[in-house]
Amino acid sequence: MLVERIAGGDAEALGDLYDRYGRVAFGMLYRMLPGPEAAEEVAQDAFHAVWRRASSYRPERGAVRTWLLAICRNAAIDWRRTRGKRSEREVSIDTAADLIADGRVDERVVDALREERVRKAVSELPAEQRDVLSLAFWGGYSQTEIAARTNTPLGTVKSRVRLGMTKLRERLVDER
């Protein structure tokens, strides 16, 4: 019904769709793109595309979520082909000078090292814990949605999230 309302020009329906699927879309884009700024930009582009193409949605071909995530995926691919490739290679002289002048280079190195430690700690988790944490934090799914998606009891999902977070906390105690 939301997509039908959007096709009819109802901006509030687009807001409702964003409230329902915005986190999931951003989570997927965040994994596909180099940073949160790019993910935000592409998510905005994708929801704008939904506004323009809402009349093309066909419920018999799949769920709204699937249709929306396909639009997001295609928008991310387009971004990488155009701005993404160029912006990943280019840094303006002013930006480089600002980084050096502000001492932000050290901060970025520390952040990169911290990200590497977190990535390594996550990769060392058992697959079941790593999978539920990925779905929860990067996929934007609730524990109930994860249970349904993985056909796993909700209590098991909750235990895996808790155990995974405890193990990460223990491994990353140096970071604090």
N, C-alpha and C. Protein backbone atom coordinates (compact mmCIF):
# COMPACT_ATOMS: atom_id res chain seq x y z
N MET A 1 0.81 -1.19 0.00
CA MET A 1 0.00 0.00 0.00
C MET A 1 0.86 1.26 0.00
N LEU A 2 1.99 1.22 0.72
CA LEU A 2 2.86 2.39 0.76
C LEU A 2 3.34 2.77 -0.64
N VAL A 3 3.74 1.77 -1.40
CA VAL A 3 4.27 2.04 -2.74
C VAL A 3 3.17 2.61 -3.64
N GLU A 4 1.96 2.12 -3.48
CA GLU A 4 0.84 2.68 -4.25
C GLU A 4 0.62 4.14 -3.89
N ARG A 5 0.69 4.44 -2.59
CA ARG A 5 0.52 5.83 -2.16
C ARG A 5 1.66 6.70 -2.68
N ILE A 6 2.88 6.17 -2.69
CA ILE A 6 4.02 6.92 -3.22
C ILE A 6 3.81 7.18 -4.71
N ALA A 7 3.36 6.17 -5.43
CA ALA A 7 3.10 6.33 -6.86
C ALA A 7 2.05 7.41 -7.11
N GLY A 8 1.14 7.59 -6.14
CA GLY A 8 0.13 8.63 -6.25
C GLY A 8 0.61 9.99 -5.81
N GLY A 9 1.89 10.10 -5.43
CA GLY A 9 2.45 11.39 -5.05
C GLY A 9 2.37 11.71 -3.57
N ASP A 10 2.16 10.71 -2.72
CA ASP A 10 2.05 10.91 -1.28
C ASP A 10 3.44 10.89 -0.64
N ALA A 11 3.95 12.08 -0.32
CA ALA A 11 5.29 12.19 0.27
C ALA A 11 5.35 11.58 1.66
N GLU A 12 4.26 11.62 2.39
CA GLU A 12 4.23 11.03 3.73
C GLU A 12 4.44 9.51 3.65
N ALA A 13 3.92 8.90 2.61
CA ALA A 13 4.12 7.46 2.41
C ALA A 13 5.59 7.14 2.18
N LEU A 14 6.28 8.02 1.45
CA LEU A 14 7.72 7.81 1.26
C LEU A 14 8.44 7.89 2.59
N GLY A 15 8.04 8.83 3.44
CA GLY A 15 8.62 8.92 4.79
C GLY A 15 8.36 7.66 5.59
N ASP A 16 7.15 7.13 5.48
CA ASP A 16 6.83 5.88 6.19
C ASP A 16 7.68 4.72 5.68
N LEU A 17 7.87 4.66 4.36
CA LEU A 17 8.70 3.61 3.77
C LEU A 17 10.14 3.75 4.28
N TYR A 18 10.61 4.99 4.34
CA TYR A 18 11.97 5.22 4.83
C TYR A 18 12.08 4.80 6.30
N ASP A 19 11.08 5.15 7.10
CA ASP A 19 11.10 4.76 8.52
C ASP A 19 11.16 3.24 8.66
N ARG A 20 10.47 2.55 7.78
CA ARG A 20 10.42 1.09 7.86
C ARG A 20 11.71 0.43 7.35
N TYR A 21 12.27 0.94 6.25
CA TYR A 21 13.39 0.24 5.60
C TYR A 21 14.69 1.04 5.53
N GLY A 22 14.71 2.25 6.06
CA GLY A 22 15.90 3.08 5.95
C GLY A 22 17.14 2.46 6.59
N ARG A 23 16.99 1.88 7.78
CA ARG A 23 18.14 1.27 8.46
C ARG A 23 18.69 0.09 7.69
N VAL A 24 17.79 -0.72 7.17
CA VAL A 24 18.21 -1.90 6.40
C VAL A 24 18.96 -1.46 5.14
N ALA A 25 18.40 -0.47 4.45
CA ALA A 25 19.02 0.03 3.22
C ALA A 25 20.39 0.62 3.53
N PHE A 26 20.46 1.45 4.57
CA PHE A 26 21.75 2.05 4.93
C PHE A 26 22.76 0.99 5.32
N GLY A 27 22.33 -0.01 6.08
CA GLY A 27 23.24 -1.09 6.50
C GLY A 27 23.82 -1.83 5.31
N MET A 28 22.99 -2.13 4.34
CA MET A 28 23.47 -2.82 3.15
C MET A 28 24.44 -1.92 2.38
N LEU A 29 24.08 -0.66 2.21
CA LEU A 29 24.93 0.27 1.45
C LEU A 29 26.24 0.53 2.18
N TYR A 30 26.19 0.57 3.50
CA TYR A 30 27.40 0.81 4.29
C TYR A 30 28.43 -0.31 4.06
N ARG A 31 27.92 -1.53 3.88
CA ARG A 31 28.83 -2.66 3.60
C ARG A 31 29.37 -2.61 2.18
N MET A 32 28.62 -2.02 1.27
CA MET A 32 29.02 -2.00 -0.14
C MET A 32 29.92 -0.83 -0.51
N LEU A 33 29.87 0.23 0.29
CA LEU A 33 30.53 1.48 -0.10
C LEU A 33 31.64 1.82 0.89
N PRO A 34 32.52 2.77 0.52
CA PRO A 34 33.70 3.02 1.34
C PRO A 34 33.47 3.74 2.67
N GLY A 35 32.31 4.31 2.91
CA GLY A 35 32.12 5.00 4.17
C GLY A 35 30.68 5.42 4.38
N PRO A 36 30.38 5.93 5.59
CA PRO A 36 29.00 6.30 5.90
C PRO A 36 28.48 7.45 5.05
N GLU A 37 29.36 8.37 4.67
CA GLU A 37 28.91 9.49 3.83
C GLU A 37 28.40 8.99 2.48
N ALA A 38 29.14 8.08 1.89
CA ALA A 38 28.74 7.51 0.60
C ALA A 38 27.44 6.72 0.77
N ALA A 39 27.33 5.96 1.85
CA ALA A 39 26.12 5.17 2.09
C ALA A 39 24.90 6.09 2.25
N GLU A 40 25.08 7.20 2.96
CA GLU A 40 23.98 8.16 3.14
C GLU A 40 23.58 8.77 1.79
N GLU A 41 24.56 9.16 1.01
CA GLU A 41 24.30 9.76 -0.30
C GLU A 41 23.55 8.79 -1.20
N VAL A 42 24.00 7.55 -1.25
CA VAL A 42 23.39 6.56 -2.13
C VAL A 42 22.00 6.18 -1.61
N ALA A 43 21.82 6.12 -0.29
CA ALA A 43 20.49 5.83 0.26
C ALA A 43 19.51 6.92 -0.15
N GLN A 44 19.95 8.15 -0.08
CA GLN A 44 19.09 9.26 -0.50
C GLN A 44 18.75 9.13 -1.99
N ASP A 45 19.75 8.81 -2.80
CA ASP A 45 19.51 8.61 -4.23
C ASP A 45 18.52 7.47 -4.47
N ALA A 46 18.66 6.40 -3.71
CA ALA A 46 17.80 5.23 -3.88
C ALA A 46 16.34 5.57 -3.52
N PHE A 47 16.14 6.28 -2.41
CA PHE A 47 14.77 6.63 -2.04
C PHE A 47 14.18 7.66 -3.01
N HIS A 48 15.03 8.48 -3.59
CA HIS A 48 14.56 9.39 -4.64
C HIS A 48 14.13 8.58 -5.86
N ALA A 49 14.87 7.53 -6.17
CA ALA A 49 14.50 6.65 -7.28
C ALA A 49 13.18 5.94 -6.99
N VAL A 50 12.96 5.55 -5.73
CA VAL A 50 11.69 4.94 -5.35
C VAL A 50 10.56 5.92 -5.63
N TRP A 51 10.77 7.17 -5.28
CA TRP A 51 9.76 8.21 -5.52
C TRP A 51 9.43 8.31 -7.01
N ARG A 52 10.48 8.27 -7.84
CA ARG A 52 10.29 8.42 -9.28
C ARG A 52 9.69 7.16 -9.92
N ARG A 53 10.06 5.97 -9.38
CA ARG A 53 9.70 4.72 -10.04
C ARG A 53 8.67 3.89 -9.28
N ALA A 54 7.98 4.47 -8.34
CA ALA A 54 7.04 3.70 -7.52
C ALA A 54 5.99 2.99 -8.38
N SER A 55 5.60 3.60 -9.47
CA SER A 55 4.57 2.98 -10.32
C SER A 55 5.09 1.72 -11.04
N SER A 56 6.41 1.52 -11.06
CA SER A 56 6.97 0.34 -11.72
C SER A 56 6.97 -0.89 -10.82
N TYR A 57 6.67 -0.72 -9.52
CA TYR A 57 6.67 -1.85 -8.59
C TYR A 57 5.53 -2.81 -8.93
N ARG A 58 5.85 -4.11 -8.98
CA ARG A 58 4.86 -5.15 -9.24
C ARG A 58 4.91 -6.15 -8.09
N PRO A 59 3.88 -6.18 -7.24
CA PRO A 59 3.89 -7.07 -6.07
C PRO A 59 4.05 -8.55 -6.42
N GLU A 60 3.58 -8.96 -7.58
CA GLU A 60 3.69 -10.37 -7.95
C GLU A 60 5.14 -10.79 -8.23
N ARG A 61 6.01 -9.80 -8.42
CA ARG A 61 7.42 -10.11 -8.73
C ARG A 61 8.29 -10.18 -7.47
N GLY A 62 7.76 -9.75 -6.32
CA GLY A 62 8.53 -9.82 -5.10
C GLY A 62 8.07 -8.80 -4.08
N ALA A 63 8.63 -8.93 -2.89
CA ALA A 63 8.28 -8.04 -1.77
C ALA A 63 8.84 -6.64 -2.00
N VAL A 64 8.24 -5.68 -1.32
CA VAL A 64 8.70 -4.29 -1.40
C VAL A 64 10.15 -4.20 -0.95
N ARG A 65 10.47 -4.91 0.12
CA ARG A 65 11.84 -4.88 0.65
C ARG A 65 12.85 -5.34 -0.41
N THR A 66 12.53 -6.40 -1.11
CA THR A 66 13.41 -6.92 -2.15
C THR A 66 13.57 -5.91 -3.27
N TRP A 67 12.47 -5.31 -3.69
CA TRP A 67 12.48 -4.29 -4.74
C TRP A 67 13.33 -3.10 -4.32
N LEU A 68 13.12 -2.63 -3.09
CA LEU A 68 13.86 -1.48 -2.57
C LEU A 68 15.36 -1.78 -2.48
N LEU A 69 15.71 -2.95 -1.96
CA LEU A 69 17.13 -3.29 -1.82
C LEU A 69 17.79 -3.47 -3.18
N ALA A 70 17.05 -3.92 -4.18
CA ALA A 70 17.59 -4.01 -5.54
C ALA A 70 17.89 -2.60 -6.07
N ILE A 71 16.99 -1.66 -5.79
CA ILE A 71 17.23 -0.27 -6.20
C ILE A 71 18.47 0.26 -5.49
N CYS A 72 18.60 -0.03 -4.20
CA CYS A 72 19.78 0.42 -3.43
C CYS A 72 21.06 -0.19 -4.01
N ARG A 73 21.02 -1.48 -4.28
CA ARG A 73 22.20 -2.15 -4.83
C ARG A 73 22.61 -1.53 -6.16
N ASN A 74 21.64 -1.31 -7.03
CA ASN A 74 21.95 -0.70 -8.33
C ASN A 74 22.48 0.72 -8.17
N ALA A 75 21.93 1.46 -7.22
CA ALA A 75 22.41 2.82 -6.96
C ALA A 75 23.86 2.78 -6.47
N ALA A 76 24.19 1.80 -5.63
CA ALA A 76 25.57 1.67 -5.13
C ALA A 76 26.53 1.33 -6.28
N ILE A 77 26.09 0.45 -7.15
CA ILE A 77 26.93 0.10 -8.31
C ILE A 77 27.15 1.33 -9.19
N ASP A 78 26.08 2.08 -9.44
CA ASP A 78 26.21 3.30 -10.23
C ASP A 78 27.17 4.28 -9.57
N TRP A 79 27.04 4.43 -8.26
CA TRP A 79 27.92 5.36 -7.52
C TRP A 79 29.38 4.95 -7.68
N ARG A 80 29.65 3.66 -7.53
CA ARG A 80 31.02 3.17 -7.66
C ARG A 80 31.57 3.39 -9.06
N ARG A 81 30.73 3.22 -10.07
CA ARG A 81 31.17 3.41 -11.45
C ARG A 81 31.50 4.86 -11.76
N THR A 82 30.82 5.77 -11.12
CA THR A 82 31.01 7.18 -11.45
C THR A 82 31.82 7.88 -10.36
N ARG A 83 31.15 8.49 -9.43
CA ARG A 83 31.82 9.29 -8.41
C ARG A 83 32.73 8.47 -7.52
N GLY A 84 32.33 7.27 -7.19
CA GLY A 84 33.09 6.46 -6.24
C GLY A 84 34.51 6.20 -6.67
N LYS A 85 34.69 5.76 -7.90
CA LYS A 85 36.04 5.46 -8.39
C LYS A 85 36.92 6.70 -8.38
N ARG A 86 36.36 7.80 -8.85
CA ARG A 86 37.13 9.03 -8.92
C ARG A 86 37.42 9.57 -7.52
N SER A 87 36.41 9.59 -6.66
CA SER A 87 36.61 10.18 -5.34
C SER A 87 37.52 9.32 -4.46
N GLU A 88 37.56 8.01 -4.69
CA GLU A 88 38.47 7.16 -3.92
C GLU A 88 39.92 7.47 -4.28
N ARG A 89 40.18 7.87 -5.51
CA ARG A 89 41.54 8.14 -5.95
C ARG A 89 41.99 9.56 -5.64
N GLU A 90 41.06 10.50 -5.68
CA GLU A 90 41.42 11.90 -5.61
C GLU A 90 41.26 12.47 -4.20
N VAL A 91 42.23 13.25 -3.81
CA VAL A 91 42.15 14.03 -2.58
C VAL A 91 42.61 15.42 -2.96
N SER A 92 41.80 16.40 -2.60
CA SER A 92 42.18 17.75 -2.98
C SER A 92 43.39 18.20 -2.16
N ILE A 93 44.14 19.13 -2.70
CA ILE A 93 45.30 19.68 -2.01
C ILE A 93 44.88 20.31 -0.70
N ASP A 94 43.76 21.03 -0.72
CA ASP A 94 43.27 21.68 0.50
C ASP A 94 42.96 20.65 1.58
N THR A 95 42.33 19.55 1.20
CA THR A 95 42.00 18.52 2.16
C THR A 95 43.26 17.91 2.75
N ALA A 96 44.23 17.61 1.91
CA ALA A 96 45.49 17.04 2.39
C ALA A 96 46.20 18.01 3.32
N ALA A 97 46.22 19.29 2.95
CA ALA A 97 46.87 20.30 3.80
C ALA A 97 46.15 20.42 5.14
N ASP A 98 44.81 20.37 5.10
CA ASP A 98 44.03 20.45 6.34
C ASP A 98 44.33 19.27 7.25
N LEU A 99 44.44 18.09 6.66
CA LEU A 99 44.73 16.91 7.47
C LEU A 99 46.07 17.04 8.18
N ILE A 100 47.06 17.50 7.46
CA ILE A 100 48.39 17.65 8.04
C ILE A 100 48.40 18.77 9.07
N ALA A 101 47.81 19.91 8.74
CA ALA A 101 47.82 21.06 9.64
C ALA A 101 47.05 20.79 10.92
N ASP A 102 45.95 20.08 10.82
CA ASP A 102 45.13 19.83 12.00
C ASP A 102 45.65 18.68 12.85
N GLY A 103 46.64 17.96 12.37
CA GLY A 103 47.12 16.81 13.10
C GLY A 103 46.16 15.64 13.01
N ARG A 104 45.24 15.72 12.08
CA ARG A 104 44.24 14.68 11.94
C ARG A 104 44.81 13.42 11.31
N VAL A 105 46.00 13.48 10.77
CA VAL A 105 46.61 12.28 10.20
C VAL A 105 46.79 11.24 11.30
N ASP A 106 47.28 11.66 12.46
CA ASP A 106 47.46 10.74 13.58
C ASP A 106 46.13 10.11 13.98
N GLU A 107 45.09 10.93 14.03
CA GLU A 107 43.78 10.42 14.41
C GLU A 107 43.29 9.38 13.40
N ARG A 108 43.53 9.66 12.14
CA ARG A 108 43.08 8.71 11.11
C ARG A 108 43.87 7.41 11.19
N VAL A 109 45.15 7.49 11.49
CA VAL A 109 45.96 6.28 11.64
C VAL A 109 45.45 5.47 12.82
N VAL A 110 45.20 6.14 13.93
CA VAL A 110 44.69 5.45 15.11
C VAL A 110 43.32 4.83 14.81
N ASP A 111 42.45 5.58 14.13
CA ASP A 111 41.14 5.04 13.76
C ASP A 111 41.27 3.82 12.86
N ALA A 112 42.19 3.89 11.90
CA ALA A 112 42.39 2.76 10.99
C ALA A 112 42.89 1.53 11.74
N LEU A 113 43.80 1.73 12.68
CA LEU A 113 44.29 0.62 13.49
C LEU A 113 43.18 0.02 14.35
N ARG A 114 42.36 0.90 14.92
CA ARG A 114 41.24 0.45 15.74
C ARG A 114 40.26 -0.37 14.89
N GLU A 115 39.96 0.13 13.68
CA GLU A 115 39.05 -0.60 12.79
C GLU A 115 39.62 -1.97 12.43
N GLU A 116 40.93 -2.00 12.21
CA GLU A 116 41.57 -3.28 11.87
C GLU A 116 41.46 -4.26 13.03
N ARG A 117 41.65 -3.78 14.27
CA ARG A 117 41.52 -4.66 15.43
C ARG A 117 40.10 -5.17 15.59
N VAL A 118 39.13 -4.29 15.38
CA VAL A 118 37.73 -4.70 15.49
C VAL A 118 37.41 -5.73 14.42
N ARG A 119 37.84 -5.46 13.19
CA ARG A 119 37.59 -6.39 12.08
C ARG A 119 38.21 -7.75 12.39
N LYS A 120 39.44 -7.75 12.93
CA LYS A 120 40.11 -9.01 13.27
C LYS A 120 39.36 -9.73 14.39
N ALA A 121 38.94 -8.99 15.41
CA ALA A 121 38.20 -9.59 16.52
C ALA A 121 36.89 -10.20 16.05
N VAL A 122 36.19 -9.51 15.16
CA VAL A 122 34.94 -10.04 14.62
C VAL A 122 35.21 -11.29 13.80
N SER A 123 36.27 -11.29 13.01
CA SER A 123 36.57 -12.45 12.16
C SER A 123 36.94 -13.68 12.99
N GLU A 124 37.39 -13.48 14.23
CA GLU A 124 37.77 -14.60 15.09
C GLU A 124 36.59 -15.20 15.84
N LEU A 125 35.44 -14.55 15.77
CA LEU A 125 34.25 -15.10 16.44
C LEU A 125 33.78 -16.35 15.72
N PRO A 126 33.10 -17.25 16.44
CA PRO A 126 32.48 -18.39 15.77
C PRO A 126 31.49 -17.88 14.71
N ALA A 127 31.34 -18.63 13.65
CA ALA A 127 30.51 -18.20 12.51
C ALA A 127 29.09 -17.84 12.93
N GLU A 128 28.48 -18.60 13.85
CA GLU A 128 27.10 -18.33 14.26
C GLU A 128 27.00 -16.95 14.91
N GLN A 129 27.97 -16.61 15.76
CA GLN A 129 27.95 -15.31 16.44
C GLN A 129 28.27 -14.19 15.45
N ARG A 130 29.23 -14.42 14.60
CA ARG A 130 29.62 -13.41 13.60
C ARG A 130 28.45 -13.11 12.67
N ASP A 131 27.72 -14.14 12.27
CA ASP A 131 26.59 -13.96 11.35
C ASP A 131 25.47 -13.13 11.98
N VAL A 132 25.10 -13.45 13.22
CA VAL A 132 24.01 -12.69 13.84
C VAL A 132 24.42 -11.26 14.13
N LEU A 133 25.68 -11.05 14.51
CA LEU A 133 26.15 -9.68 14.75
C LEU A 133 26.18 -8.89 13.45
N SER A 134 26.58 -9.52 12.37
CA SER A 134 26.60 -8.84 11.06
C SER A 134 25.19 -8.45 10.64
N LEU A 135 24.25 -9.36 10.80
CA LEU A 135 22.87 -9.07 10.43
C LEU A 135 22.29 -7.95 11.30
N ALA A 136 22.65 -7.96 12.58
CA ALA A 136 22.10 -6.96 13.50
C ALA A 136 22.72 -5.58 13.28
N PHE A 137 24.03 -5.51 13.22
CA PHE A 137 24.69 -4.20 13.22
C PHE A 137 24.90 -3.65 11.82
N TRP A 138 25.22 -4.49 10.86
CA TRP A 138 25.47 -3.98 9.52
C TRP A 138 24.27 -4.18 8.60
N GLY A 139 23.43 -5.15 8.95
CA GLY A 139 22.24 -5.38 8.14
C GLY A 139 21.03 -4.62 8.62
N GLY A 140 21.08 -4.17 9.88
CA GLY A 140 19.97 -3.39 10.42
C GLY A 140 18.77 -4.22 10.84
N TYR A 141 18.94 -5.53 11.00
CA TYR A 141 17.83 -6.39 11.37
C TYR A 141 17.67 -6.44 12.89
N SER A 142 16.43 -6.59 13.35
CA SER A 142 16.18 -6.82 14.77
C SER A 142 16.46 -8.30 15.07
N GLN A 143 16.54 -8.63 16.34
CA GLN A 143 16.80 -10.02 16.70
C GLN A 143 15.64 -10.92 16.24
N THR A 144 14.43 -10.40 16.30
CA THR A 144 13.27 -11.17 15.83
C THR A 144 13.38 -11.43 14.33
N GLU A 145 13.79 -10.41 13.57
CA GLU A 145 13.94 -10.57 12.13
C GLU A 145 15.07 -11.56 11.80
N ILE A 146 16.14 -11.51 12.59
CA ILE A 146 17.25 -12.44 12.38
C ILE A 146 16.79 -13.87 12.62
N ALA A 147 16.01 -14.06 13.69
CA ALA A 147 15.50 -15.40 14.00
C ALA A 147 14.65 -15.93 12.84
N ALA A 148 13.80 -15.09 12.31
CA ALA A 148 12.95 -15.51 11.19
C ALA A 148 13.78 -15.76 9.94
N ARG A 149 14.72 -14.87 9.69
CA ARG A 149 15.54 -14.96 8.47
C ARG A 149 16.43 -16.20 8.47
N THR A 150 16.98 -16.55 9.64
CA THR A 150 17.91 -17.68 9.73
C THR A 150 17.24 -18.97 10.19
N ASN A 151 15.91 -18.89 10.46
CA ASN A 151 15.17 -20.05 10.94
C ASN A 151 15.80 -20.60 12.22
N THR A 152 16.12 -19.68 13.13
CA THR A 152 16.76 -20.01 14.39
C THR A 152 15.85 -19.50 15.52
N PRO A 153 15.72 -20.25 16.62
CA PRO A 153 14.89 -19.76 17.74
C PRO A 153 15.39 -18.40 18.24
N LEU A 154 14.44 -17.53 18.63
CA LEU A 154 14.79 -16.19 19.09
C LEU A 154 15.75 -16.22 20.27
N GLY A 155 15.54 -17.14 21.20
CA GLY A 155 16.43 -17.25 22.36
C GLY A 155 17.86 -17.57 21.95
N THR A 156 18.01 -18.40 20.94
CA THR A 156 19.34 -18.75 20.43
C THR A 156 20.01 -17.53 19.80
N VAL A 157 19.24 -16.77 19.03
CA VAL A 157 19.78 -15.54 18.42
C VAL A 157 20.24 -14.59 19.50
N LYS A 158 19.41 -14.39 20.53
CA LYS A 158 19.77 -13.49 21.63
C LYS A 158 21.04 -13.96 22.34
N SER A 159 21.14 -15.25 22.56
CA SER A 159 22.35 -15.81 23.21
C SER A 159 23.59 -15.59 22.36
N ARG A 160 23.46 -15.81 21.05
CA ARG A 160 24.60 -15.63 20.16
C ARG A 160 25.05 -14.17 20.11
N VAL A 161 24.09 -13.24 20.09
CA VAL A 161 24.44 -11.82 20.11
C VAL A 161 25.15 -11.48 21.41
N ARG A 162 24.60 -11.93 22.54
CA ARG A 162 25.20 -11.63 23.84
C ARG A 162 26.60 -12.24 23.95
N LEU A 163 26.76 -13.50 23.55
CA LEU A 163 28.07 -14.15 23.62
C LEU A 163 29.07 -13.46 22.69
N GLY A 164 28.63 -13.13 21.48
CA GLY A 164 29.52 -12.44 20.54
C GLY A 164 29.97 -11.10 21.06
N MET A 165 29.04 -10.33 21.63
CA MET A 165 29.39 -9.01 22.17
C MET A 165 30.34 -9.15 23.37
N THR A 166 30.09 -10.16 24.20
CA THR A 166 30.98 -10.39 25.35
C THR A 166 32.40 -10.72 24.88
N LYS A 167 32.51 -11.59 23.89
CA LYS A 167 33.83 -11.95 23.37
C LYS A 167 34.52 -10.75 22.73
N LEU A 168 33.76 -9.95 21.98
CA LEU A 168 34.36 -8.74 21.39
C LEU A 168 34.84 -7.79 22.47
N ARG A 169 34.03 -7.60 23.49
CA ARG A 169 34.39 -6.70 24.59
C ARG A 169 35.69 -7.18 25.25
N GLU A 170 35.81 -8.48 25.47
CA GLU A 170 37.01 -9.03 26.09
C GLU A 170 38.24 -8.83 25.20
N ARG A 171 38.07 -9.07 23.91
CA ARG A 171 39.21 -8.95 22.98
C ARG A 171 39.62 -7.51 22.75
N LEU A 172 38.69 -6.59 22.90
CA LEU A 172 38.97 -5.20 22.58
C LEU A 172 39.14 -4.33 23.83
N VAL A 173 39.36 -4.97 24.98
CA VAL A 173 39.52 -4.22 26.22
C VAL A 173 40.66 -3.21 26.14
N ASP A 174 41.68 -3.51 25.34
CA ASP A 174 42.81 -2.59 25.16
C ASP A 174 42.37 -1.28 24.52
N GLU A 175 41.33 -1.33 23.71
CA GLU A 175 40.88 -0.14 22.99
C GLU A 175 40.34 0.92 23.95
N ARG A 176 39.79 0.49 25.07
CA ARG A 176 39.24 1.46 26.03
C ARG A 176 40.37 2.17 26.73
